[in-house]
C-alpha atoms as a PDB file:
ATOM      1  CA  MET A   1      31.295  71.009  75.460  1.00  0.00           C
ATOM      2  CA  ARG A   2      27.639  71.946  75.728  1.00  0.00           C
ATOM      3  CA  TYR A   3      26.138  73.485  78.851  1.00  0.00           C
ATOM      4  CA  MET A   4      22.579  74.215  79.910  1.00  0.00           C
ATOM      5  CA  LEU A   5      21.614  77.411  81.724  1.00  0.00           C
ATOM      6  CA  ARG A   6      18.550  77.590  83.949  1.00  0.00           C
ATOM      7  CA  LEU A   7      17.698  81.230  84.602  1.00  0.00           C
ATOM      8  CA  SER A   8      15.098  83.823  85.495  1.00  0.00           C
ATOM      9  CA  TYR A   9      14.707  87.351  84.206  1.00  0.00           C
ATOM     10  CA  SER A  10      12.474  90.363  84.514  1.00  0.00           C
ATOM     11  CA  GLY A  11      11.198  91.487  81.141  1.00  0.00           C
ATOM     12  CA  ALA A  12      11.039  95.145  82.210  1.00  0.00           C
ATOM     13  CA  GLY A  13      13.701  97.042  80.306  1.00  0.00           C
ATOM     14  CA  PHE A  14      14.150  94.363  77.650  1.00  0.00           C
ATOM     15  CA  SER A  15      12.681  94.124  74.153  1.00  0.00           C
ATOM     16  CA  GLY A  16      12.163  90.410  74.595  1.00  0.00           C
ATOM     17  CA  TRP A  17      14.561  87.467  74.516  1.00  0.00           C
ATOM     18  CA  GLN A  18      15.899  87.512  70.965  1.00  0.00           C
ATOM     19  CA  VAL A  19      18.767  89.731  69.825  1.00  0.00           C
ATOM     20  CA  GLN A  20      17.556  92.763  67.846  1.00  0.00           C
ATOM     21  CA  ASP A  21      19.458  95.729  66.459  1.00  0.00           C
ATOM     22  CA  GLY A  22      19.500  98.814  68.644  1.00  0.00           C
ATOM     23  CA  VAL A  23      17.456  97.527  71.590  1.00  0.00           C
ATOM     24  CA  PRO A  24      18.390  95.647  74.784  1.00  0.00           C
ATOM     25  CA  THR A  25      17.465  91.958  74.926  1.00  0.00           C
ATOM     26  CA  VAL A  26      18.044  89.108  77.354  1.00  0.00           C
ATOM     27  CA  GLN A  27      19.927  87.028  74.786  1.00  0.00           C
ATOM     28  CA  GLU A  28      22.277  89.914  74.071  1.00  0.00           C
ATOM     29  CA  SER A  29      23.046  90.383  77.773  1.00  0.00           C
ATOM     30  CA  LEU A  30      23.812  86.680  78.218  1.00  0.00           C
ATOM     31  CA  GLU A  31      26.001  86.483  75.133  1.00  0.00           C
ATOM     32  CA  HIS A  32      27.957  89.534  76.267  1.00  0.00           C
ATOM     33  CA  ALA A  33      28.573  88.067  79.738  1.00  0.00           C
ATOM     34  CA  LEU A  34      29.542  84.666  78.349  1.00  0.00           C
ATOM     35  CA  GLY A  35      31.891  86.265  75.834  1.00  0.00           C
ATOM     36  CA  LEU A  36      33.735  88.073  78.622  1.00  0.00           C
ATOM     37  CA  LEU A  37      34.180  84.861  80.614  1.00  0.00           C
ATOM     38  CA  LEU A  38      35.061  82.596  77.697  1.00  0.00           C
ATOM     39  CA  GLY A  39      37.321  85.076  75.926  1.00  0.00           C
ATOM     40  CA  GLY A  40      35.431  85.195  72.654  1.00  0.00           C
ATOM     41  CA  LYS A  41      32.067  85.405  70.963  1.00  0.00           C
ATOM     42  CA  CYS A  42      29.558  82.917  72.398  1.00  0.00           C
ATOM     43  CA  ALA A  43      26.130  82.170  70.910  1.00  0.00           C
ATOM     44  CA  VAL A  44      23.273  81.320  73.264  1.00  0.00           C
ATOM     45  CA  THR A  45      20.194  79.375  72.167  1.00  0.00           C
ATOM     46  CA  GLY A  46      17.022  79.762  74.210  1.00  0.00           C
ATOM     47  CA  ALA A  47      13.958  77.600  74.760  1.00  0.00           C
ATOM     48  CA  GLY A  48      11.880  80.093  72.789  1.00  0.00           C
ATOM     49  CA  ARG A  49      11.212  83.760  72.171  1.00  0.00           C
ATOM     50  CA  THR A  50       9.524  85.910  74.775  1.00  0.00           C
ATOM     51  CA  ASP A  51       8.123  89.290  73.734  1.00  0.00           C
ATOM     52  CA  THR A  52       8.843  92.764  75.074  1.00  0.00           C
ATOM     53  CA  LEU A  53       8.172  93.040  78.851  1.00  0.00           C
ATOM     54  CA  VAL A  54       7.487  89.287  79.207  1.00  0.00           C
ATOM     55  CA  SER A  55       9.414  87.709  82.092  1.00  0.00           C
ATOM     56  CA  ALA A  56      10.589  84.180  82.864  1.00  0.00           C
ATOM     57  CA  SER A  57      11.112  82.264  86.073  1.00  0.00           C
ATOM     58  CA  GLY A  58      11.991  78.926  84.525  1.00  0.00           C
ATOM     59  CA  TYR A  59      13.841  79.701  81.304  1.00  0.00           C
ATOM     60  CA  VAL A  60      16.364  77.309  79.754  1.00  0.00           C
ATOM     61  CA  ALA A  61      19.166  78.061  77.294  1.00  0.00           C
ATOM     62  CA  HIS A  62      22.320  76.350  76.075  1.00  0.00           C
ATOM     63  CA  PHE A  63      25.779  77.369  74.867  1.00  0.00           C
ATOM     64  CA  ASP A  64      28.991  75.654  73.807  1.00  0.00           C
ATOM     65  CA  SER A  65      32.326  76.156  75.574  1.00  0.00           C
ATOM     66  CA  PRO A  66      35.714  75.319  74.031  1.00  0.00           C
ATOM     67  CA  GLU A  67      36.965  74.173  77.447  1.00  0.00           C
ATOM     68  CA  PRO A  68      35.377  72.257  80.355  1.00  0.00           C
ATOM     69  CA  LEU A  69      33.804  74.483  83.006  1.00  0.00           C
ATOM     70  CA  GLU A  70      33.254  74.180  86.743  1.00  0.00           C
ATOM     71  CA  PRO A  71      29.478  74.789  86.734  1.00  0.00           C
ATOM     72  CA  GLU A  72      28.965  76.268  90.192  1.00  0.00           C
ATOM     73  CA  GLN A  73      31.906  78.636  89.932  1.00  0.00           C
ATOM     74  CA  PHE A  74      30.950  79.630  86.393  1.00  0.00           C
ATOM     75  CA  ALA A  75      27.381  80.427  87.478  1.00  0.00           C
ATOM     76  CA  TYR A  76      28.765  82.621  90.264  1.00  0.00           C
ATOM     77  CA  LYS A  77      30.928  84.567  87.796  1.00  0.00           C
ATOM     78  CA  LEU A  78      28.053  84.933  85.327  1.00  0.00           C
ATOM     79  CA  ASN A  79      25.781  86.413  87.983  1.00  0.00           C
ATOM     80  CA  ALA A  80      28.492  88.877  88.963  1.00  0.00           C
ATOM     81  CA  ILE A  81      28.511  90.243  85.385  1.00  0.00           C
ATOM     82  CA  LEU A  82      24.846  90.047  84.456  1.00  0.00           C
ATOM     83  CA  PRO A  83      22.435  92.874  85.334  1.00  0.00           C
ATOM     84  CA  ARG A  84      20.221  92.497  88.403  1.00  0.00           C
ATOM     85  CA  SER A  85      17.267  91.709  86.152  1.00  0.00           C
ATOM     86  CA  ILE A  86      18.822  88.377  85.101  1.00  0.00           C
ATOM     87  CA  VAL A  87      19.873  85.561  87.441  1.00  0.00           C
ATOM     88  CA  VAL A  88      21.405  82.208  86.503  1.00  0.00           C
ATOM     89  CA  HIS A  89      20.246  79.469  88.873  1.00  0.00           C
ATOM     90  CA  GLU A  90      22.210  76.605  87.397  1.00  0.00           C
ATOM     91  CA  VAL A  91      24.900  75.754  84.860  1.00  0.00           C
ATOM     92  CA  ARG A  92      25.013  72.081  83.927  1.00  0.00           C
ATOM     93  CA  ALA A  93      26.908  69.970  81.395  1.00  0.00           C
ATOM     94  CA  VAL A  94      24.583  68.283  78.898  1.00  0.00           C
ATOM     95  CA  PRO A  95      25.011  65.951  75.895  1.00  0.00           C
ATOM     96  CA  ASP A  96      26.129  67.613  72.672  1.00  0.00           C
ATOM     97  CA  ASP A  97      22.780  66.865  71.043  1.00  0.00           C
ATOM     98  CA  PHE A  98      20.788  68.707  73.736  1.00  0.00           C
ATOM     99  CA  HIS A  99      18.916  71.679  72.289  1.00  0.00           C
ATOM    100  CA  ALA A 100      17.151  74.179  74.548  1.00  0.00           C
ATOM    101  CA  ARG A 101      14.402  74.746  71.986  1.00  0.00           C
ATOM    102  CA  PHE A 102      13.996  71.552  69.995  1.00  0.00           C
ATOM    103  CA  SER A 103      14.536  69.102  72.871  1.00  0.00           C
ATOM    104  CA  ALA A 104      11.745  70.674  74.952  1.00  0.00           C
ATOM    105  CA  LYS A 105       8.626  68.536  75.402  1.00  0.00           C
ATOM    106  CA  ARG A 106       6.450  70.871  77.468  1.00  0.00           C
ATOM    107  CA  ARG A 107       6.347  74.587  78.187  1.00  0.00           C
ATOM    108  CA  GLU A 108       4.311  76.417  80.801  1.00  0.00           C
ATOM    109  CA  TYR A 109       3.253  80.065  81.011  1.00  0.00           C
ATOM    110  CA  THR A 110       1.507  81.885  83.853  1.00  0.00           C
ATOM    111  CA  TYR A 111      -0.438  85.118  83.422  1.00  0.00           C
ATOM    112  CA  PHE A 112      -1.343  87.279  86.423  1.00  0.00           C
ATOM    113  CA  LEU A 113      -4.463  89.436  86.649  1.00  0.00           C
ATOM    114  CA  HIS A 114      -5.767  91.501  89.571  1.00  0.00           C
ATOM    115  CA  THR A 115      -9.215  92.971  89.979  1.00  0.00           C
ATOM    116  CA  ALA A 116      -8.629  95.817  92.442  1.00  0.00           C
ATOM    117  CA  LYS A 117      -6.154  98.673  92.597  1.00  0.00           C
ATOM    118  CA  ASP A 118      -3.000  97.470  94.334  1.00  0.00           C
ATOM    119  CA  PRO A 119       0.388  99.245  94.325  1.00  0.00           C
ATOM    120  CA  PHE A 120       2.276  95.987  94.877  1.00  0.00           C
ATOM    121  CA  LEU A 121       0.870  94.232  91.817  1.00  0.00           C
ATOM    122  CA  GLU A 122       1.027  96.840  89.085  1.00  0.00           C
ATOM    123  CA  ALA A 123       4.552  95.941  87.924  1.00  0.00           C
ATOM    124  CA  TRP A 124       3.851  92.281  87.187  1.00  0.00           C
ATOM    125  CA  SER A 125       0.074  91.795  87.002  1.00  0.00           C
ATOM    126  CA  TRP A 126      -2.639  93.201  84.726  1.00  0.00           C
ATOM    127  CA  ARG A 127      -5.207  95.283  86.560  1.00  0.00           C
ATOM    128  CA  CYS A 128      -8.544  94.394  85.020  1.00  0.00           C
ATOM    129  CA  THR A 129     -11.310  96.705  86.209  1.00  0.00           C
ATOM    130  CA  TYR A 130     -14.173  94.649  84.759  1.00  0.00           C
ATOM    131  CA  LYS A 131     -16.305  92.316  86.836  1.00  0.00           C
ATOM    132  CA  LEU A 132     -15.193  88.851  85.721  1.00  0.00           C
ATOM    133  CA  ASP A 133     -16.861  85.443  85.898  1.00  0.00           C
ATOM    134  CA  PHE A 134     -13.894  83.127  86.416  1.00  0.00           C
ATOM    135  CA  GLU A 135     -16.121  80.053  86.396  1.00  0.00           C
ATOM    136  CA  ALA A 136     -17.205  80.920  82.850  1.00  0.00           C
ATOM    137  CA  MET A 137     -13.595  81.650  81.894  1.00  0.00           C
ATOM    138  CA  ASN A 138     -12.527  78.202  83.086  1.00  0.00           C
ATOM    139  CA  ALA A 139     -15.413  76.577  81.224  1.00  0.00           C
ATOM    140  CA  ALA A 140     -14.182  78.280  78.060  1.00  0.00           C
ATOM    141  CA  ALA A 141     -10.558  77.339  78.777  1.00  0.00           C
ATOM    142  CA  GLU A 142     -11.479  73.641  78.833  1.00  0.00           C
ATOM    143  CA  ALA A 143     -12.118  73.824  75.087  1.00  0.00           C
ATOM    144  CA  LEU A 144      -8.460  74.700  74.557  1.00  0.00           C
ATOM    145  CA  LEU A 145      -7.286  71.352  75.900  1.00  0.00           C
ATOM    146  CA  GLY A 146      -5.975  68.819  73.406  1.00  0.00           C
ATOM    147  CA  GLU A 147      -4.565  69.214  69.914  1.00  0.00           C
ATOM    148  CA  HIS A 148      -5.888  72.138  67.871  1.00  0.00           C
ATOM    149  CA  ASP A 149      -4.976  74.615  65.174  1.00  0.00           C
ATOM    150  CA  PHE A 150      -4.354  77.837  67.145  1.00  0.00           C
ATOM    151  CA  SER A 151      -4.160  80.217  64.154  1.00  0.00           C
ATOM    152  CA  SER A 152      -6.941  82.314  65.711  1.00  0.00           C
ATOM    153  CA  PHE A 153      -4.588  83.081  68.609  1.00  0.00           C
ATOM    154  CA  GLU A 154      -1.402  83.651  66.603  1.00  0.00           C
ATOM    155  CA  LYS A 155       0.085  87.070  65.923  1.00  0.00           C
ATOM    156  CA  THR A 156      -0.748  88.253  62.409  1.00  0.00           C
ATOM    157  CA  GLY A 157       2.207  88.013  60.063  1.00  0.00           C
ATOM    158  CA  SER A 158       3.985  85.210  61.905  1.00  0.00           C
ATOM    159  CA  ASP A 159       6.067  82.917  59.721  1.00  0.00           C
ATOM    160  CA  VAL A 160       5.362  79.717  61.679  1.00  0.00           C
ATOM    161  CA  GLN A 161       4.551  76.879  59.269  1.00  0.00           C
ATOM    162  CA  ASN A 162       2.790  74.617  61.769  1.00  0.00           C
ATOM    163  CA  PRO A 163      -0.047  76.164  63.835  1.00  0.00           C
ATOM    164  CA  ILE A 164      -0.924  72.893  65.601  1.00  0.00           C
ATOM    165  CA  CYS A 165      -0.343  72.832  69.368  1.00  0.00           C
ATOM    166  CA  THR A 166      -1.325  70.383  72.077  1.00  0.00           C
ATOM    167  CA  VAL A 167      -2.501  72.078  75.280  1.00  0.00           C
ATOM    168  CA  TYR A 168      -2.227  70.014  78.475  1.00  0.00           C
ATOM    169  CA  GLU A 169      -3.469  72.534  81.065  1.00  0.00           C
ATOM    170  CA  ALA A 170      -5.461  75.775  80.933  1.00  0.00           C
ATOM    171  CA  LEU A 171      -6.908  77.014  84.220  1.00  0.00           C
ATOM    172  CA  TRP A 172      -7.584  80.188  86.213  1.00  0.00           C
ATOM    173  CA  THR A 173      -6.936  79.916  89.963  1.00  0.00           C
ATOM    174  CA  PRO A 174      -6.944  82.488  92.794  1.00  0.00           C
ATOM    175  CA  VAL A 175      -3.560  83.370  94.286  1.00  0.00           C
ATOM    176  CA  THR A 176      -3.697  83.558  98.074  1.00  0.00           C
ATOM    177  CA  GLY A 177      -1.333  83.783 101.001  1.00  0.00           C
ATOM    178  CA  ILE A 178       0.644  86.848  99.891  1.00  0.00           C
ATOM    179  CA  PRO A 179       0.840  89.033 103.042  1.00  0.00           C
ATOM    180  CA  VAL A 180       0.687  92.390 101.243  1.00  0.00           C
ATOM    181  CA  VAL A 181      -2.070  91.386  98.806  1.00  0.00           C
ATOM    182  CA  GLU A 182      -5.690  90.995  99.866  1.00  0.00           C
ATOM    183  CA  ASP A 183      -7.028  87.522  99.036  1.00  0.00           C
ATOM    184  CA  GLY A 184      -9.501  87.485  96.169  1.00  0.00           C
ATOM    185  CA  HIS A 185      -7.833  90.233  94.138  1.00  0.00           C
ATOM    186  CA  LEU A 186      -5.123  88.239  92.362  1.00  0.00           C
ATOM    187  CA  TRP A 187      -5.678  85.452  89.834  1.00  0.00           C
ATOM    188  CA  ALA A 188      -3.281  83.334  87.792  1.00  0.00           C
ATOM    189  CA  PHE A 189      -3.913  81.671  84.451  1.00  0.00           C
ATOM    190  CA  ARG A 190      -1.634  78.711  83.897  1.00  0.00           C
ATOM    191  CA  ILE A 191      -1.377  77.165  80.465  1.00  0.00           C
ATOM    192  CA  ALA A 192       0.941  74.321  79.450  1.00  0.00           C
ATOM    193  CA  ALA A 193       1.499  72.928  75.967  1.00  0.00           C
ATOM    194  CA  ASN A 194       4.037  71.126  73.830  1.00  0.00           C
ATOM    195  CA  ARG A 195       4.626  74.386  71.952  1.00  0.00           C
ATOM    196  CA  PHE A 196       3.193  77.896  71.620  1.00  0.00           C
ATOM    197  CA  LEU A 197       2.657  80.246  68.701  1.00  0.00           C
ATOM    198  CA  ARG A 198       3.696  83.904  68.802  1.00  0.00           C
ATOM    199  CA  ASN A 199       1.395  85.929  71.062  1.00  0.00           C
ATOM    200  CA  MET A 200      -0.762  82.837  71.668  1.00  0.00           C
ATOM    201  CA  VAL A 201      -0.971  83.141  75.457  1.00  0.00           C
ATOM    202  CA  ARG A 202      -1.741  86.854  75.505  1.00  0.00           C
ATOM    203  CA  ALA A 203      -4.416  86.447  72.816  1.00  0.00           C
ATOM    204  CA  THR A 204      -5.890  83.552  74.783  1.00  0.00           C
ATOM    205  CA  VAL A 205      -6.030  85.607  77.975  1.00  0.00           C
ATOM    206  CA  GLY A 206      -7.659  88.520  76.160  1.00  0.00           C
ATOM    207  CA  THR A 207     -10.279  86.188  74.691  1.00  0.00           C
ATOM    208  CA  LEU A 208     -11.040  84.524  78.019  1.00  0.00           C
ATOM    209  CA  VAL A 209     -11.433  87.926  79.665  1.00  0.00           C
ATOM    210  CA  GLU A 210     -14.106  88.707  77.074  1.00  0.00           C
ATOM    211  CA  VAL A 211     -15.863  85.526  78.210  1.00  0.00           C
ATOM    212  CA  GLY A 212     -15.531  86.646  81.827  1.00  0.00           C
ATOM    213  CA  ARG A 213     -17.102  89.994  80.960  1.00  0.00           C
ATOM    214  CA  GLY A 214     -20.061  88.311  79.282  1.00  0.00           C
ATOM    215  CA  ARG A 215     -19.109  89.579  75.836  1.00  0.00           C
ATOM    216  CA  ARG A 216     -18.390  86.102  74.487  1.00  0.00           C
ATOM    217  CA  ALA A 217     -20.110  82.804  75.361  1.00  0.00           C
ATOM    218  CA  PRO A 218     -18.069  80.117  77.162  1.00  0.00           C
ATOM    219  CA  ASP A 219     -18.999  77.595  74.466  1.00  0.00           C
ATOM    220  CA  SER A 220     -17.770  79.850  71.620  1.00  0.00           C
ATOM    221  CA  ILE A 221     -14.137  78.686  71.735  1.00  0.00           C
ATOM    222  CA  PRO A 222     -14.459  75.557  69.515  1.00  0.00           C
ATOM    223  CA  ALA A 223     -15.974  77.635  66.698  1.00  0.00           C
ATOM    224  CA  LEU A 224     -13.278  80.284  67.141  1.00  0.00           C
ATOM    225  CA  LEU A 225     -10.549  77.652  66.834  1.00  0.00           C
ATOM    226  CA  ALA A 226     -12.200  76.255  63.718  1.00  0.00           C
ATOM    227  CA  GLU A 227     -12.301  79.685  62.032  1.00  0.00           C
ATOM    228  CA  ARG A 228      -8.481  80.039  62.193  1.00  0.00           C
ATOM    229  CA  ASN A 229      -8.870  83.818  62.012  1.00  0.00           C
ATOM    230  CA  ARG A 230      -6.959  86.071  64.441  1.00  0.00           C
ATOM    231  CA  SER A 231      -9.338  88.989  63.938  1.00  0.00           C
ATOM    232  CA  LEU A 232     -12.165  87.003  65.541  1.00  0.00           C
ATOM    233  CA  ALA A 233     -10.367  86.448  68.866  1.00  0.00           C
ATOM    234  CA  GLY A 234      -9.968  88.970  71.666  1.00  0.00           C
ATOM    235  CA  GLU A 235      -7.305  91.655  71.993  1.00  0.00           C
ATOM    236  CA  SER A 236      -3.935  90.587  73.352  1.00  0.00           C
ATOM    237  CA  ALA A 237      -3.509  91.106  77.081  1.00  0.00           C
ATOM    238  CA  PRO A 238      -0.557  93.306  78.197  1.00  0.00           C
ATOM    239  CA  GLY A 239       2.849  91.634  78.133  1.00  0.00           C
ATOM    240  CA  HIS A 240       4.185  92.710  81.528  1.00  0.00           C
ATOM    241  CA  ALA A 241       1.940  90.218  83.374  1.00  0.00           C
ATOM    242  CA  LEU A 242       3.127  87.152  81.455  1.00  0.00           C
ATOM    243  CA  PHE A 243       5.779  84.763  82.742  1.00  0.00           C
ATOM    244  CA  LEU A 244       7.336  81.681  81.200  1.00  0.00           C
ATOM    245  CA  THR A 245       7.338  79.500  84.304  1.00  0.00           C
ATOM    246  CA  GLY A 246       8.674  76.156  83.157  1.00  0.00           C
ATOM    247  CA  VAL A 247      10.271  74.099  80.374  1.00  0.00           C
ATOM    248  CA  ASP A 248      10.384  70.291  80.574  1.00  0.00           C
ATOM    249  CA  TYR A 249      12.620  67.937  78.583  1.00  0.00           C
END
């Protein structure tokens, strides 16, 4: 029987989602915990790869069990085994043809950026010391909407055959109402698409920050997309401030 996992994890301490030799990963931790509970090796398939230090608050994965499970009790046992940096919110039976990656229709990422020194934000937000024009950054982000070739924002050397993505949302908004954070210092960039290329969000954030600094014009994005050249886009923003915040099916 196939089961879906809905989970969250902190990327700190992990070399991303996907299993790699000699380094800790989220997938490895889940497969180890599931193997202990199911009495044998258990493969887990995730909604997509997240890079080193990248976190998730709305991640989805699936696995197959040889026997029927009681979802709530199984989730409780999983959380008792998993490290504190990973929490399973839900275990749910799904059809055998459900696939955490290929069945997904929409994915959403959120990137956090703060503009003043703040001890409570450093672990999960990028401190950007430049004066930024968020209105210009949002004007530039509008050009990302729709279907485009995002090769200019893809990590060099990626083996993805199809660079076409459809972006549904791309917007910077201030984050307010956090008691220990002064309003006006914290911003969130939310971007949603049918799919993402490797490093696409971080490269997008880095490019939009260049717009906010006045180093790139807001209307330069269409030409950048048309060039399909990663070297022409901005540097990738740090990974620790990026969260996968939702996957829709």
